[in-house]
C-alpha atoms as a PDB file:
ATOM      1  CA  MET A   1     116.835 156.050 -85.187  1.00  0.00           C
ATOM      2  CA  PRO A   2     119.453 155.201 -82.585  1.00  0.00           C
ATOM      3  CA  ARG A   3     122.305 157.665 -82.402  1.00  0.00           C
ATOM      4  CA  VAL A   4     125.810 156.862 -81.119  1.00  0.00           C
ATOM      5  CA  TYR A   5     128.206 159.507 -79.740  1.00  0.00           C
ATOM      6  CA  VAL A   6     131.792 159.352 -81.020  1.00  0.00           C
ATOM      7  CA  GLY A   7     134.401 161.383 -79.143  1.00  0.00           C
ATOM      8  CA  ASN A   8     138.131 162.180 -79.306  1.00  0.00           C
ATOM      9  CA  LEU A   9     138.104 162.479 -83.095  1.00  0.00           C
ATOM     10  CA  ALA A  10     141.080 163.901 -84.959  1.00  0.00           C
ATOM     11  CA  GLU A  11     140.453 167.189 -86.799  1.00  0.00           C
ATOM     12  CA  SER A  12     140.908 165.460 -90.154  1.00  0.00           C
ATOM     13  CA  VAL A  13     138.140 162.861 -89.668  1.00  0.00           C
ATOM     14  CA  THR A  14     135.192 163.399 -92.014  1.00  0.00           C
ATOM     15  CA  ARG A  15     131.629 162.161 -91.845  1.00  0.00           C
ATOM     16  CA  ASP A  16     132.311 159.860 -94.804  1.00  0.00           C
ATOM     17  CA  GLU A  17     135.126 158.194 -92.856  1.00  0.00           C
ATOM     18  CA  LEU A  18     132.842 157.760 -89.828  1.00  0.00           C
ATOM     19  CA  ARG A  19     130.136 156.309 -92.053  1.00  0.00           C
ATOM     20  CA  ALA A  20     132.593 153.860 -93.656  1.00  0.00           C
ATOM     21  CA  LEU A  21     133.992 152.767 -90.283  1.00  0.00           C
ATOM     22  CA  PHE A  22     130.619 152.148 -88.648  1.00  0.00           C
ATOM     23  CA  SER A  23     129.187 150.419 -91.722  1.00  0.00           C
ATOM     24  CA  LYS A  24     131.467 147.484 -90.857  1.00  0.00           C
ATOM     25  CA  VAL A  25     129.111 146.688 -87.943  1.00  0.00           C
ATOM     26  CA  GLY A  26     125.704 147.462 -89.452  1.00  0.00           C
ATOM     27  CA  LYS A  27     123.620 149.749 -91.622  1.00  0.00           C
ATOM     28  CA  VAL A  28     124.411 153.434 -91.125  1.00  0.00           C
ATOM     29  CA  ALA A  29     121.665 155.986 -91.711  1.00  0.00           C
ATOM     30  CA  GLY A  30     123.948 158.995 -91.354  1.00  0.00           C
ATOM     31  CA  ALA A  31     127.058 160.445 -89.777  1.00  0.00           C
ATOM     32  CA  LEU A  32     127.873 163.910 -88.501  1.00  0.00           C
ATOM     33  CA  VAL A  33     131.106 165.529 -87.339  1.00  0.00           C
ATOM     34  CA  ILE A  34     130.460 168.632 -85.229  1.00  0.00           C
ATOM     35  CA  THR A  35     132.434 171.643 -86.429  1.00  0.00           C
ATOM     36  CA  ASP A  36     133.168 175.077 -84.995  1.00  0.00           C
ATOM     37  CA  LYS A  37     131.002 177.761 -86.607  1.00  0.00           C
ATOM     38  CA  LEU A  38     133.784 180.324 -86.857  1.00  0.00           C
ATOM     39  CA  THR A  39     136.754 178.230 -87.962  1.00  0.00           C
ATOM     40  CA  GLY A  40     134.995 175.291 -89.624  1.00  0.00           C
ATOM     41  CA  LYS A  41     137.376 172.877 -87.859  1.00  0.00           C
ATOM     42  CA  SER A  42     136.198 169.720 -86.154  1.00  0.00           C
ATOM     43  CA  ARG A  43     135.350 170.086 -82.459  1.00  0.00           C
ATOM     44  CA  GLY A  44     136.545 166.516 -81.843  1.00  0.00           C
ATOM     45  CA  PHE A  45     133.241 164.689 -81.643  1.00  0.00           C
ATOM     46  CA  GLY A  46     130.371 163.530 -83.757  1.00  0.00           C
ATOM     47  CA  PHE A  47     127.356 161.272 -84.039  1.00  0.00           C
ATOM     48  CA  VAL A  48     126.519 158.216 -86.106  1.00  0.00           C
ATOM     49  CA  GLU A  49     122.907 157.198 -86.741  1.00  0.00           C
ATOM     50  CA  MET A  50     122.437 153.481 -87.077  1.00  0.00           C
ATOM     51  CA  VAL A  51     119.348 151.875 -88.603  1.00  0.00           C
ATOM     52  CA  GLU A  52     118.933 149.229 -85.878  1.00  0.00           C
ATOM     53  CA  VAL A  53     119.286 149.591 -82.092  1.00  0.00           C
ATOM     54  CA  GLU A  54     121.281 146.358 -81.921  1.00  0.00           C
ATOM     55  CA  ASP A  55     123.766 147.722 -84.474  1.00  0.00           C
ATOM     56  CA  ALA A  56     124.216 150.875 -82.386  1.00  0.00           C
ATOM     57  CA  ILE A  57     124.912 148.862 -79.235  1.00  0.00           C
ATOM     58  CA  ASN A  58     127.314 146.545 -81.078  1.00  0.00           C
ATOM     59  CA  ALA A  59     129.120 149.513 -82.627  1.00  0.00           C
ATOM     60  CA  ALA A  60     129.663 151.086 -79.205  1.00  0.00           C
ATOM     61  CA  VAL A  61     131.153 147.877 -77.847  1.00  0.00           C
ATOM     62  CA  TYR A  62     133.210 147.119 -80.945  1.00  0.00           C
ATOM     63  CA  PHE A  63     134.682 150.574 -81.641  1.00  0.00           C
ATOM     64  CA  SER A  64     135.210 152.075 -78.172  1.00  0.00           C
ATOM     65  CA  GLY A  65     138.983 152.366 -77.726  1.00  0.00           C
ATOM     66  CA  THR A  66     139.676 151.745 -81.417  1.00  0.00           C
ATOM     67  CA  GLU A  67     142.361 153.894 -82.986  1.00  0.00           C
ATOM     68  CA  LEU A  68     141.273 156.192 -85.820  1.00  0.00           C
ATOM     69  CA  GLU A  69     143.874 158.440 -87.467  1.00  0.00           C
ATOM     70  CA  GLY A  70     146.221 158.146 -84.501  1.00  0.00           C
ATOM     71  CA  ARG A  71     143.653 158.763 -81.733  1.00  0.00           C
ATOM     72  CA  LYS A  72     141.702 156.321 -79.592  1.00  0.00           C
ATOM     73  CA  ILE A  73     138.052 157.152 -80.136  1.00  0.00           C
ATOM     74  CA  HIS A  74     135.435 156.990 -77.399  1.00  0.00           C
ATOM     75  CA  VAL A  75     132.030 155.626 -78.360  1.00  0.00           C
ATOM     76  CA  ASP A  76     129.046 155.968 -76.024  1.00  0.00           C
ATOM     77  CA  PRO A  77     126.395 153.297 -76.358  1.00  0.00           C
ATOM     78  CA  TYR A  78     122.898 154.086 -77.496  1.00  0.00           C
ATOM     79  CA  ARG A  79     120.550 155.443 -74.820  1.00  0.00           C
ATOM     80  CA  PRO A  80     116.933 156.090 -75.757  1.00  0.00           C
ATOM     81  CA  GLN A  81     115.947 159.745 -75.558  1.00  0.00           C
ATOM     82  CA  GLN A  82     113.434 160.759 -72.942  1.00  0.00           C
ATOM     83  CA  GLU A  83     109.988 161.691 -74.075  1.00  0.00           C
ATOM     84  CA  PRO A  84     109.369 165.428 -74.426  1.00  0.00           C
ATOM     85  CA  GLY A  85     108.170 166.979 -71.207  1.00  0.00           C
ATOM     86  CA  VAL A  86     109.680 164.282 -68.993  1.00  0.00           C
ATOM     87  CA  GLN A  87     111.648 165.753 -66.118  1.00  0.00           C
ATOM     88  CA  LYS A  88     115.362 164.962 -66.052  1.00  0.00           C
ATOM     89  CA  TYR A  89     115.652 165.075 -62.280  1.00  0.00           C
ATOM     90  CA  ARG A  90     114.193 162.644 -59.789  1.00  0.00           C
ATOM     91  CA  GLY A  91     111.459 163.617 -57.400  1.00  0.00           C
ATOM     92  CA  GLU A  92     109.373 166.719 -57.183  1.00  0.00           C
ATOM     93  CA  ARG A  93     110.703 170.134 -56.334  1.00  0.00           C
ATOM     94  CA  LYS A  94     109.406 171.495 -53.101  1.00  0.00           C
ATOM     95  CA  ARG A  95     108.016 175.004 -53.230  1.00  0.00           C
ATOM     96  CA  ARG A  96     108.858 177.394 -50.475  1.00  0.00           C
ATOM     97  CA  ALA A  97     106.082 179.114 -48.665  1.00  0.00           C
ATOM     98  CA  PRO A  98     105.909 182.831 -49.510  1.00  0.00           C
ATOM     99  CA  ALA A  99     107.589 185.098 -46.989  1.00  0.00           C
ATOM    100  CA  LYS A 100     105.131 186.654 -44.551  1.00  0.00           C
ATOM    101  CA  ARG A 101     105.048 190.416 -44.382  1.00  0.00           C
ATOM    102  CA  SER A 102     104.089 192.324 -41.334  1.00  0.00           C
ATOM    103  CA  SER A 103     100.970 194.414 -41.628  1.00  0.00           C
ATOM    104  CA  ASN A 104     102.317 197.468 -39.785  1.00  0.00           C
ATOM    105  CA  GLY A 105     105.117 198.164 -42.239  1.00  0.00           C
ATOM    106  CA  THR A 106     108.013 197.333 -39.906  1.00  0.00           C
ATOM    107  CA  ALA A 107     110.281 194.438 -40.349  1.00  0.00           C
END
């Protein structure tokens, strides 16, 4: 399912509020507000899972810059995840040749 990043959230925003907001654009499969393990307070960002890819893209366009509880939220559009095992960098890494040691023990 396509997942949308939502940033700059106020501490008081709950997952139910995120779900209700994003359901205005399409079907929401789930919402999550990331919290600090020690304090339990919101870390200021979360994720919303949309049912359809088109809904996720539309939500990013529609809600980015929208004000929610006094803060302008930032919504990143849906980007498909890379397949497991796919390298994140471009090109191949070049291996260095092993350093040659002298056979007589001196450097």
